[in-house]
Amino acid sequence: MTELNAVLEAMADQIRAVVDDAADWPATQVEAFWIPNPTPPSIDVYLADPGREVAETGGFGETDADSLGGEWINVRARVATNDAQANQRLLIELCDPESEVALVQALYDDPTLGGLVSDISLETQSGFRPFPTLDGGAFHLGVLWLFLVIPARS
């Protein structure tokens, strides 16, 4: 497994541990890599697009990711729309920094991902947004977080 694959797996593992241990939290599909057909609630961890050219730092056009050798990683949570209020509450719990299932805090509990990286930092968090299904016939409601992951240097 490459280092980047290991990073995605470690991020998913940390998030999975938090949601699995939470009281009164529904079973959640948490996976490294993009989940094309999720079983909501679901959380997937995958490479962002663009991966390294998001925002200029002001230094000769280099991006934060380029200058630090980092990768931009998306973490996306999706819920079904059949019970809109209950499922929106799940997303709010993931966004709430005081919640026992706070997604950002799950990653900040060990920002080195077990020594795989030197740091992980949240760059942006979306509000609620629709994510269409692959066939375009429906959508899931979700939130998208963008993290900058800086590899560990030896």
Protein backbone atom coordinates (compact mmCIF):
# COMPACT_ATOMS: atom_id res chain seq x y z
CA MET A 1 0.00 0.00 0.00
CA THR A 2 1.33 3.43 -0.90
CA GLU A 3 1.74 6.14 1.71
CA LEU A 4 -1.21 8.10 0.33
CA ASN A 5 -3.46 5.03 0.43
CA ALA A 6 -2.36 4.47 4.03
CA VAL A 7 -3.26 8.09 4.86
CA LEU A 8 -6.78 7.71 3.44
CA GLU A 9 -7.22 4.45 5.37
CA ALA A 10 -5.95 6.01 8.61
CA MET A 11 -8.31 8.98 8.26
CA ALA A 12 -11.26 6.64 7.70
CA ASP A 13 -10.18 4.47 10.65
CA GLN A 14 -10.07 7.44 13.04
CA ILE A 15 -13.49 8.65 11.93
CA ARG A 16 -14.94 5.12 12.06
CA ALA A 17 -13.68 4.61 15.61
CA VAL A 18 -15.46 7.76 16.79
CA VAL A 19 -18.82 7.05 15.16
CA ASP A 20 -18.73 3.36 16.10
CA ASP A 21 -18.09 4.23 19.77
CA ALA A 22 -20.77 6.92 19.98
CA ALA A 23 -23.89 6.19 21.98
CA ASP A 24 -27.19 6.56 20.12
CA TRP A 25 -25.48 6.90 16.74
CA PRO A 26 -26.73 4.82 13.80
CA ALA A 27 -24.51 2.32 12.00
CA THR A 28 -22.49 4.38 9.54
CA GLN A 29 -20.64 3.28 6.41
CA VAL A 30 -17.16 4.84 6.71
CA GLU A 31 -14.69 4.11 3.92
CA ALA A 32 -11.38 5.28 2.61
CA PHE A 33 -11.90 6.15 -1.05
CA TRP A 34 -14.98 7.41 -2.85
CA ILE A 35 -18.20 5.44 -2.22
CA PRO A 36 -20.14 5.37 -5.51
CA ASN A 37 -23.31 3.79 -4.04
CA PRO A 38 -23.43 4.68 -0.35
CA THR A 39 -25.66 3.18 2.29
CA PRO A 40 -26.50 6.31 4.30
CA PRO A 41 -25.45 7.54 6.64
CA SER A 42 -22.05 7.30 5.03
CA ILE A 43 -18.68 9.01 5.21
CA ASP A 44 -16.05 8.67 2.50
CA VAL A 45 -12.46 9.93 2.40
CA TYR A 46 -10.91 10.62 -1.00
CA LEU A 47 -8.54 12.86 -2.96
CA ALA A 48 -9.86 16.36 -3.58
CA ASP A 49 -10.06 17.92 -7.01
CA PRO A 50 -7.88 19.82 -7.65
CA GLY A 51 -5.44 17.93 -5.49
CA ARG A 52 -2.73 20.56 -5.12
CA GLU A 53 -3.81 23.81 -6.76
CA VAL A 54 -6.45 25.27 -4.48
CA ALA A 55 -5.24 28.62 -3.13
CA GLU A 56 -2.10 30.63 -3.73
CA THR A 57 0.11 31.43 -0.75
CA GLY A 58 1.58 34.48 -2.44
CA GLY A 59 4.98 32.85 -2.98
CA PHE A 60 5.51 32.68 -6.75
CA GLY A 61 2.19 30.98 -7.33
CA GLU A 62 2.89 28.01 -5.08
CA THR A 63 -0.04 26.56 -3.21
CA ASP A 64 0.01 25.51 0.42
CA ALA A 65 -0.03 21.89 -0.72
CA ASP A 66 2.80 22.42 -3.21
CA SER A 67 5.07 24.33 -0.86
CA LEU A 68 4.55 21.89 1.99
CA GLY A 69 4.36 18.74 -0.13
CA GLY A 70 0.83 18.08 1.08
CA GLU A 71 -2.31 16.60 -0.35
CA TRP A 72 -5.84 17.97 -0.35
CA ILE A 73 -8.27 15.34 0.96
CA ASN A 74 -12.07 15.47 0.94
CA VAL A 75 -14.16 13.94 3.69
CA ARG A 76 -17.83 13.76 2.76
CA ALA A 77 -20.78 12.78 4.94
CA ARG A 78 -24.06 11.88 3.27
CA VAL A 79 -27.51 11.06 4.63
CA ALA A 80 -30.76 9.99 3.04
CA THR A 81 -33.56 12.47 2.51
CA ASN A 82 -36.44 10.21 3.56
CA ASP A 83 -36.44 11.52 7.16
CA ALA A 84 -35.15 15.00 6.46
CA GLN A 85 -35.12 16.46 9.98
CA ALA A 86 -33.60 13.43 11.70
CA ASN A 87 -30.92 13.07 9.04
CA GLN A 88 -30.10 16.77 9.08
CA ARG A 89 -29.57 16.40 12.84
CA LEU A 90 -26.99 13.68 12.10
CA LEU A 91 -25.08 16.05 9.81
CA ILE A 92 -25.26 18.82 12.41
CA GLU A 93 -23.79 16.45 15.01
CA LEU A 94 -20.86 15.71 12.67
CA CYS A 95 -20.31 19.46 12.18
CA ASP A 96 -20.68 20.47 15.84
CA PRO A 97 -17.23 20.74 17.49
CA GLU A 98 -18.82 19.94 20.87
CA SER A 99 -20.48 16.71 19.66
CA GLU A 100 -19.08 13.29 20.56
CA VAL A 101 -19.04 12.53 16.82
CA ALA A 102 -17.46 15.81 15.67
CA LEU A 103 -15.75 14.82 12.44
CA VAL A 104 -12.96 17.41 12.59
CA GLN A 105 -12.18 16.51 16.19
CA ALA A 106 -12.03 12.83 15.24
CA LEU A 107 -9.09 13.66 12.98
CA TYR A 108 -7.53 16.19 15.35
CA ASP A 109 -7.46 13.58 18.15
CA ASP A 110 -4.34 12.26 16.40
CA PRO A 111 -3.31 14.82 13.76
CA THR A 112 -0.33 12.66 12.78
CA LEU A 113 -2.57 9.69 11.89
CA GLY A 114 -0.36 7.36 13.86
CA GLY A 115 2.85 8.96 12.57
CA LEU A 116 1.94 8.79 8.85
CA VAL A 117 1.74 12.57 8.50
CA SER A 118 3.21 15.56 10.27
CA ASP A 119 -0.08 17.47 10.36
CA ILE A 120 -3.65 17.59 9.18
CA SER A 121 -5.64 20.80 9.07
CA LEU A 122 -9.17 21.73 8.10
CA GLU A 123 -9.26 24.22 5.23
CA THR A 124 -13.01 24.44 4.56
CA GLN A 125 -16.30 22.93 5.59
CA SER A 126 -19.38 23.26 3.40
CA GLY A 127 -22.91 23.76 4.55
CA PHE A 128 -25.61 21.29 3.55
CA ARG A 129 -25.51 20.42 -0.14
CA PRO A 130 -27.11 17.84 -2.40
CA PHE A 131 -24.98 15.00 -3.78
CA PRO A 132 -26.70 13.30 -6.75
CA THR A 133 -26.74 9.53 -7.02
CA LEU A 134 -24.83 7.99 -9.93
CA ASP A 135 -27.97 7.44 -11.96
CA GLY A 136 -29.09 11.03 -11.33
CA GLY A 137 -32.50 9.86 -10.15
CA ALA A 138 -32.12 11.01 -6.56
CA PHE A 139 -29.73 12.74 -4.22
CA HIS A 140 -28.29 12.51 -0.73
CA LEU A 141 -27.89 15.49 1.55
CA GLY A 142 -24.35 16.00 2.79
CA VAL A 143 -21.47 18.08 4.07
CA LEU A 144 -17.97 18.24 2.56
CA TRP A 145 -14.79 18.96 4.51
CA LEU A 146 -11.48 19.80 2.80
CA PHE A 147 -8.32 18.92 4.72
CA LEU A 148 -4.68 19.64 3.96
CA VAL A 149 -2.53 16.66 4.92
CA ILE A 150 1.23 17.25 5.22
CA PRO A 151 3.34 14.09 4.95
CA ALA A 152 5.78 13.14 7.68
CA ARG A 153 9.37 13.87 6.77
CA SER A 154 12.18 11.66 7.98
